[in-house]
């Protein structure tokens, strides 16, 4: 799951940077919140419960949903894959949040 998360986050980041994808304004709110918090499974789950319904139908939610599971597996055997996935997701979230400022 970590490798898929890293791949999907990188693809969304590339699309965002290439201006191929222009997220709805509602996407920026969860990105801003996630960019400014410590990522723990519980806090991530809480943030996902509060996302706008429009976000639930987009591609971003398909990246965010598995992140909780990846966060829970931080100390597993696949620690490198987990770290890489979370770094890719952090880059995506930071890029989206930077567009707000």
N, C-alpha and C. Protein backbone atom coordinates (compact mmCIF):
# COMPACT_ATOMS: atom_id res chain seq x y z
N UNK A 1 0.82 -1.18 0.00
CA UNK A 1 0.00 0.00 0.00
C UNK A 1 0.87 1.26 0.00
N UNK A 2 2.01 1.21 0.67
CA UNK A 2 2.89 2.38 0.75
C UNK A 2 3.40 2.76 -0.63
N UNK A 3 3.77 1.78 -1.42
CA UNK A 3 4.28 2.08 -2.77
C UNK A 3 3.19 2.71 -3.63
N UNK A 4 1.97 2.23 -3.51
CA UNK A 4 0.86 2.80 -4.28
C UNK A 4 0.58 4.23 -3.83
N UNK A 5 0.65 4.48 -2.53
CA UNK A 5 0.45 5.83 -2.01
C UNK A 5 1.53 6.77 -2.55
N UNK A 6 2.77 6.34 -2.53
CA UNK A 6 3.86 7.17 -3.05
C UNK A 6 3.66 7.47 -4.53
N UNK A 7 3.29 6.47 -5.28
CA UNK A 7 3.06 6.65 -6.73
C UNK A 7 1.92 7.61 -6.99
N UNK A 8 0.80 7.40 -6.31
CA UNK A 8 -0.38 8.23 -6.54
C UNK A 8 -0.14 9.68 -6.11
N UNK A 9 0.53 9.87 -4.99
CA UNK A 9 0.84 11.23 -4.53
C UNK A 9 1.77 11.93 -5.51
N UNK A 10 2.76 11.21 -6.00
CA UNK A 10 3.70 11.80 -6.98
C UNK A 10 2.99 12.16 -8.27
N UNK A 11 2.06 11.32 -8.72
CA UNK A 11 1.31 11.61 -9.95
C UNK A 11 0.44 12.86 -9.78
N UNK A 12 -0.22 12.99 -8.64
CA UNK A 12 -1.04 14.18 -8.40
C UNK A 12 -0.18 15.43 -8.29
N UNK A 13 0.97 15.31 -7.67
CA UNK A 13 1.87 16.45 -7.55
C UNK A 13 2.36 16.89 -8.92
N UNK A 14 2.74 15.94 -9.75
CA UNK A 14 3.19 16.27 -11.11
C UNK A 14 2.08 16.94 -11.89
N UNK A 15 0.89 16.41 -11.82
CA UNK A 15 -0.25 17.02 -12.52
C UNK A 15 -0.52 18.42 -12.00
N UNK A 16 -0.41 18.61 -10.71
CA UNK A 16 -0.63 19.93 -10.12
C UNK A 16 0.44 20.91 -10.58
N UNK A 17 1.69 20.48 -10.54
CA UNK A 17 2.79 21.35 -10.93
C UNK A 17 2.77 21.68 -12.42
N UNK A 18 2.31 20.75 -13.21
CA UNK A 18 2.21 20.97 -14.65
C UNK A 18 0.94 21.71 -15.03
N UNK A 19 0.17 22.09 -14.02
CA UNK A 19 -1.11 22.80 -14.21
C UNK A 19 -2.10 21.99 -15.04
N UNK A 20 -1.94 20.68 -15.03
CA UNK A 20 -2.91 19.80 -15.70
C UNK A 20 -4.12 19.60 -14.80
N UNK A 21 -3.94 19.83 -13.55
CA UNK A 21 -5.01 19.59 -12.61
C UNK A 21 -5.19 20.84 -11.76
N UNK A 22 -6.37 21.35 -11.76
CA UNK A 22 -6.70 22.51 -10.95
C UNK A 22 -7.74 22.08 -9.93
N UNK A 23 -7.30 21.83 -8.71
CA UNK A 23 -8.24 21.36 -7.70
C UNK A 23 -9.33 22.38 -7.40
N UNK A 24 -10.45 21.87 -7.00
CA UNK A 24 -11.53 22.74 -6.54
C UNK A 24 -11.06 23.46 -5.28
N UNK A 25 -11.58 24.65 -5.03
CA UNK A 25 -11.16 25.40 -3.83
C UNK A 25 -11.32 24.61 -2.54
N UNK A 26 -12.28 23.71 -2.48
CA UNK A 26 -12.50 22.92 -1.26
C UNK A 26 -11.32 22.01 -0.94
N UNK A 27 -10.52 21.68 -1.94
CA UNK A 27 -9.37 20.80 -1.73
C UNK A 27 -8.32 21.49 -0.89
N UNK A 28 -8.22 22.79 -1.03
CA UNK A 28 -7.16 23.51 -0.33
C UNK A 28 -7.36 23.54 1.18
N UNK A 29 -8.59 23.51 1.65
CA UNK A 29 -8.85 23.55 3.08
C UNK A 29 -8.26 22.34 3.80
N UNK A 30 -8.54 21.09 3.34
CA UNK A 30 -7.90 19.97 4.04
C UNK A 30 -6.39 19.95 3.84
N UNK A 31 -5.93 20.42 2.68
CA UNK A 31 -4.48 20.45 2.45
C UNK A 31 -3.81 21.40 3.42
N UNK A 32 -4.43 22.56 3.65
CA UNK A 32 -3.86 23.52 4.58
C UNK A 32 -3.84 22.94 5.99
N UNK A 33 -4.93 22.30 6.40
CA UNK A 33 -4.97 21.69 7.72
C UNK A 33 -3.94 20.59 7.88
N UNK A 34 -3.82 19.74 6.88
CA UNK A 34 -2.86 18.64 6.96
C UNK A 34 -1.42 19.15 6.92
N UNK A 35 -1.19 20.25 6.22
CA UNK A 35 0.16 20.79 6.11
C UNK A 35 0.66 21.32 7.45
N UNK A 36 -0.26 21.72 8.32
CA UNK A 36 0.13 22.36 9.57
C UNK A 36 -0.09 21.49 10.80
N UNK A 37 -0.19 20.20 10.62
CA UNK A 37 -0.40 19.33 11.78
C UNK A 37 0.61 18.18 11.76
N UNK A 38 0.79 17.58 12.92
CA UNK A 38 1.61 16.37 13.01
C UNK A 38 0.76 15.22 12.50
N UNK A 39 1.38 14.36 11.73
CA UNK A 39 0.63 13.26 11.13
C UNK A 39 0.69 12.02 12.00
N UNK A 40 -0.40 11.78 12.66
CA UNK A 40 -0.61 10.55 13.42
C UNK A 40 -1.88 9.92 12.87
N UNK A 41 -2.03 8.61 12.99
CA UNK A 41 -3.24 7.99 12.44
C UNK A 41 -4.53 8.64 12.94
N UNK A 42 -4.58 8.95 14.24
CA UNK A 42 -5.81 9.51 14.79
C UNK A 42 -6.09 10.92 14.25
N UNK A 43 -5.07 11.75 14.19
CA UNK A 43 -5.26 13.12 13.69
C UNK A 43 -5.60 13.13 12.20
N UNK A 44 -4.99 12.22 11.48
CA UNK A 44 -5.27 12.12 10.04
C UNK A 44 -6.71 11.69 9.81
N UNK A 45 -7.15 10.68 10.59
CA UNK A 45 -8.52 10.20 10.48
C UNK A 45 -9.52 11.32 10.78
N UNK A 46 -9.24 12.09 11.81
CA UNK A 46 -10.11 13.21 12.18
C UNK A 46 -10.17 14.23 11.05
N UNK A 47 -9.04 14.57 10.48
CA UNK A 47 -9.01 15.53 9.38
C UNK A 47 -9.81 15.02 8.18
N UNK A 48 -9.73 13.73 7.91
CA UNK A 48 -10.46 13.18 6.77
C UNK A 48 -11.97 13.18 7.00
N UNK A 49 -12.39 13.03 8.23
CA UNK A 49 -13.83 13.07 8.53
C UNK A 49 -14.41 14.45 8.26
N UNK A 50 -13.57 15.47 8.34
CA UNK A 50 -14.03 16.84 8.22
C UNK A 50 -13.90 17.42 6.81
N UNK A 51 -13.48 16.63 5.83
CA UNK A 51 -13.30 17.20 4.49
C UNK A 51 -14.65 17.52 3.84
N UNK A 52 -14.62 18.49 2.97
CA UNK A 52 -15.80 18.92 2.22
C UNK A 52 -16.27 17.76 1.34
N UNK A 53 -17.58 17.61 1.15
CA UNK A 53 -18.09 16.53 0.29
C UNK A 53 -17.52 16.54 -1.12
N UNK A 54 -17.17 17.70 -1.64
CA UNK A 54 -16.59 17.77 -2.99
C UNK A 54 -15.23 17.07 -3.05
N UNK A 55 -14.52 17.08 -1.94
CA UNK A 55 -13.22 16.43 -1.88
C UNK A 55 -13.39 14.91 -1.93
N UNK A 56 -14.48 14.43 -1.38
CA UNK A 56 -14.73 12.98 -1.34
C UNK A 56 -14.95 12.37 -2.72
N UNK A 57 -15.21 13.18 -3.72
CA UNK A 57 -15.43 12.67 -5.06
C UNK A 57 -14.22 12.85 -5.97
N UNK A 58 -13.16 13.47 -5.46
CA UNK A 58 -11.99 13.76 -6.28
C UNK A 58 -10.87 12.75 -6.12
N UNK A 59 -9.81 12.99 -6.84
CA UNK A 59 -8.65 12.09 -6.81
C UNK A 59 -7.87 12.20 -5.51
N UNK A 60 -7.90 13.37 -4.89
CA UNK A 60 -7.11 13.56 -3.67
C UNK A 60 -7.54 12.61 -2.57
N UNK A 61 -8.82 12.38 -2.42
CA UNK A 61 -9.29 11.50 -1.35
C UNK A 61 -8.79 10.07 -1.54
N UNK A 62 -8.58 9.68 -2.80
CA UNK A 62 -8.04 8.35 -3.08
C UNK A 62 -6.59 8.22 -2.64
N UNK A 63 -5.94 9.34 -2.47
CA UNK A 63 -4.58 9.34 -1.94
C UNK A 63 -4.60 9.47 -0.42
N UNK A 64 -5.50 10.28 0.09
CA UNK A 64 -5.55 10.53 1.53
C UNK A 64 -6.08 9.34 2.33
N UNK A 65 -7.08 8.65 1.82
CA UNK A 65 -7.67 7.53 2.58
C UNK A 65 -6.66 6.46 2.97
N UNK A 66 -5.83 5.97 2.05
CA UNK A 66 -4.88 4.93 2.47
C UNK A 66 -3.74 5.45 3.35
N UNK A 67 -3.60 6.76 3.43
CA UNK A 67 -2.50 7.31 4.23
C UNK A 67 -2.63 6.94 5.70
N UNK A 68 -3.83 6.82 6.21
CA UNK A 68 -4.01 6.44 7.61
C UNK A 68 -3.43 5.05 7.86
N UNK A 69 -3.70 4.13 6.96
CA UNK A 69 -3.16 2.78 7.09
C UNK A 69 -1.63 2.80 7.02
N UNK A 70 -1.10 3.61 6.11
CA UNK A 70 0.35 3.72 5.99
C UNK A 70 0.95 4.33 7.26
N UNK A 71 0.29 5.34 7.80
CA UNK A 71 0.76 5.93 9.06
C UNK A 71 0.77 4.90 10.18
N UNK A 72 -0.21 4.03 10.21
CA UNK A 72 -0.29 3.00 11.24
C UNK A 72 0.83 1.97 11.10
N UNK A 73 1.37 1.84 9.89
CA UNK A 73 2.40 0.83 9.65
C UNK A 73 3.81 1.42 9.66
N UNK A 74 3.98 2.60 10.23
CA UNK A 74 5.29 3.27 10.25
C UNK A 74 6.40 2.40 10.80
N UNK A 75 6.13 1.62 11.79
CA UNK A 75 7.17 0.83 12.45
C UNK A 75 7.26 -0.60 11.91
N UNK A 76 6.65 -0.81 10.76
CA UNK A 76 6.65 -2.16 10.21
C UNK A 76 7.95 -2.48 9.48
N UNK A 77 7.98 -3.65 8.90
CA UNK A 77 9.15 -4.12 8.17
C UNK A 77 9.45 -3.22 6.98
N UNK A 78 8.44 -2.66 6.37
CA UNK A 78 8.62 -1.83 5.17
C UNK A 78 8.78 -0.36 5.53
N UNK A 79 9.63 -0.08 6.49
CA UNK A 79 9.80 1.29 6.99
C UNK A 79 10.27 2.23 5.89
N UNK A 80 11.15 1.78 5.00
CA UNK A 80 11.63 2.64 3.93
C UNK A 80 10.50 3.00 2.97
N UNK A 81 9.70 2.04 2.59
CA UNK A 81 8.58 2.29 1.68
C UNK A 81 7.57 3.23 2.35
N UNK A 82 7.35 3.03 3.63
CA UNK A 82 6.43 3.90 4.37
C UNK A 82 6.95 5.32 4.43
N UNK A 83 8.22 5.49 4.73
CA UNK A 83 8.82 6.82 4.79
C UNK A 83 8.76 7.51 3.43
N UNK A 84 9.03 6.77 2.36
CA UNK A 84 8.97 7.34 1.02
C UNK A 84 7.55 7.76 0.66
N UNK A 85 6.58 6.96 1.04
CA UNK A 85 5.18 7.27 0.75
C UNK A 85 4.74 8.53 1.50
N UNK A 86 5.11 8.63 2.75
CA UNK A 86 4.72 9.79 3.54
C UNK A 86 5.43 11.05 3.06
N UNK A 87 6.66 10.91 2.58
CA UNK A 87 7.38 12.05 2.03
C UNK A 87 6.69 12.53 0.73
N UNK A 88 6.30 11.60 -0.12
CA UNK A 88 5.60 11.97 -1.35
C UNK A 88 4.28 12.65 -1.04
N UNK A 89 3.57 12.14 -0.05
CA UNK A 89 2.30 12.75 0.34
C UNK A 89 2.54 14.13 0.95
N UNK A 90 3.56 14.27 1.75
CA UNK A 90 3.88 15.57 2.37
C UNK A 90 4.19 16.60 1.28
N UNK A 91 4.92 16.19 0.25
CA UNK A 91 5.23 17.11 -0.85
C UNK A 91 3.96 17.58 -1.55
N UNK A 92 3.04 16.66 -1.78
CA UNK A 92 1.78 17.00 -2.43
C UNK A 92 0.98 17.97 -1.56
N UNK A 93 0.83 17.64 -0.31
CA UNK A 93 0.05 18.49 0.61
C UNK A 93 0.69 19.87 0.73
N UNK A 94 2.00 19.92 0.83
CA UNK A 94 2.69 21.20 0.95
C UNK A 94 2.50 22.05 -0.32
N UNK A 95 2.53 21.41 -1.48
CA UNK A 95 2.32 22.15 -2.72
C UNK A 95 0.91 22.72 -2.81
N UNK A 96 -0.07 21.92 -2.42
CA UNK A 96 -1.45 22.41 -2.43
C UNK A 96 -1.64 23.52 -1.41
N UNK A 97 -1.08 23.35 -0.23
CA UNK A 97 -1.22 24.37 0.81
C UNK A 97 -0.49 25.66 0.43
N UNK A 98 0.61 25.55 -0.28
CA UNK A 98 1.37 26.74 -0.69
C UNK A 98 0.55 27.60 -1.65
N UNK A 99 -0.34 26.99 -2.40
CA UNK A 99 -1.18 27.75 -3.33
C UNK A 99 -2.18 28.64 -2.61
N UNK A 100 -2.44 28.35 -1.35
CA UNK A 100 -3.38 29.16 -0.57
C UNK A 100 -2.71 30.46 -0.17
N UNK A 101 -1.45 30.36 0.20
CA UNK A 101 -0.73 31.51 0.76
C UNK A 101 -0.28 32.48 -0.27
